[in-house]
Amino acid sequence: MEIKNYIAPLLKWWWLIITAAILASATSYFVVRQEPILYQSKATILIGNPFASLNPNSSELWASTQLAEAYAGFAQREPVRDATMKALNLDWLPQYSVTVPPRTQFIEVVVIDSDPQRAQIIANEIANQLIQLSPSGADQERNKRQDFIDQQLDDLQKQIEETRSEIETRQFELGELVSAREIAEAQGQIAALQSKLSTLQLNYSAILSNSQDQATNILNIIEPATLPQYPIGPQKALTIILSGVLGAVLAGSAAYLLEYLDDRIESPQELERIANVPILPSIPRSKNIATGPLVTIGQPRAPVSEVFRDLRTRVQFSELDKANRTILVTSANPGEGKSFIAANLSIVFAQAGFKTLLIDADLRLPDQHKMFELSNRFGLTDILRNPNNLVNQETTFSDLDDYLSKIPGVTLDVITRGSPTNNPSELLGSPTMRELLVYVAKQYDFVFIDSAPSLSLTDSLILGRRVGGVLLVVSAKGTRRNQVKLLVSRFRDVNANLIGITLNKLAQKNIGYYDYSYGNLSENSTTPGKKNFRGKSKQITEELAKE
């Protein structure tokens, strides 16, 4: 399948896609224009003090990470929210989030608000309230206790430094002593000082481990919220563009869905893929035909008439039995234009100099007498029921001329349906009909037979085995794919010679190289022609005179 077949639904429904894109974009525009401009401010909190430790261990880091996640969840609960609103004298809070980046000890407080200053203040206050509710909060007793610990650490640090200095002095003096007693006393003093130093260091470490500087469960703001300078949303242009694209995509999907659900034939290319039958020239849907359905007579130079001449050429050189140039013209359903095509195709054959006969074998809803404006008093049914037309007699069909309507200006004869009948299938399947076809095939260069639709009736199938070829007619946007397949299958089941299939009422845009400007060509049209093509035989005239 060619690429153009895939994009054909998009080209067909382009107006729907564009309309959907415009409507989606317009709707998005009116929605986003009412949305306020949003700003974002972020405060960052650190759990513990890992950067102050020379050798932080993995357990401390893991504990800090777990604490950060716990604090992040706690920050979004009522105690923190209520404390923040109370501190800022607010009765509501804008949208905010508290998250922990993966594998870190940071807590990020992000506030989104239409007021940039309010977003900054609320972010900082949420971080402050989280700290206040933690062990590192600004509690007076805790502060006094921390001051005492700091004072003790300072005293111990001073004593440690003094002891180290005294030990160094004693060790220097020890090198100048010569008396054994003095040396022993000096070594004892040094040992006592070293023991004192060890005790002081142990005390210092013990007190330091309980201070906030070394605590794991301590919170500090390392990056306060700043005043945002640029909005983060809404991104109106991007939203409008994405809405338009989404609308176009949805409309495109709907176009493919509609094409999938609509299985009517719309183009010769589609017909070619479905029917394994030669595809003949398509007949366009024309407008404003003032000369009636016989356009090949009323407007012989019109482009649509040229299409019928092209169709004539293709039929001439089709796989038609040269000894039996009787051609059955039928369709799948009523209203697809078989009678219109049979009439104009027989006319162009007659215009080319061929002795041509057109038989209206649609014994149920005949149309040829309407299009040619002929009497339908006597015709095919009367021929088949005439007891004088006996099979295998030398006089068979000797009075056929009495049933012929001759069209002036061309070598075309027409046999209308004739009087109504209650047994059309029996008449068409009779030996008399078979002998009639054999007889007219010898008398005429080409014989065209307008037959009834084939899917609901068996009339055409009966004749399909006896004619030299069958021409199938389908209607653009009127015949469904399964109907075409069934139509072809039914004629192949009776071993009919399918010379081709033509698509009628084709839209001008699907033709491409013609510029048609004529009216809708319908087989049921009863609009009188520009000229009077009434042809009467002597017998018909006498019968009408008697009435």
Foldseek 3Di string as FASTA:
>chain_A
DDPCVVCVLCVVCVVQLQVLLVVLLVVLLVVFVPDFFKAKWKFKKFFAAVVVDPDDDPVLLVVLLVVLVVLQVVLPDDVLQVVLCVVVVHPDFADWHWDDPPSHNMIMIMGMDSALVSNQSSNQSSLLSSQLPFPNRPDPVSVVVLVVLVVLLVVLVVLLVVLVVVLVVLVVVLVVDDDPVVNVVSVVVSVVSVVVNVVSVVVNVVSVCPHRNRDRRHMDTPGGIDRDDDTPDDPSVVSSNVSSVVSSVVSSVVSVVVPVVQQFAAALVVVVVQDVAAEAEAQAFAAADPFALLCCVQPVPAVNVVSLVSRLVLLVPFQFDQLFQEEEFAEAAPWQCSLSSLVNNQQVCQVVVWQEEEEELALPDTQPCLRQVEDQAAFDVCLLPPPVQDPPDPCHCVVVVQQWFAFPPTNYIYTTNHDHDDCSQCSCLDVSVLVVSNVVSVVTSHYYYYYYNPNVDCSVLSCQLRGREYEYEGERSHDGSVSSNVVSVSNVVSVGHHRHYYYYNHHPVNVPPDDHHHHGNISNDNNHGPDNRYGHGPVRVVVVVVD
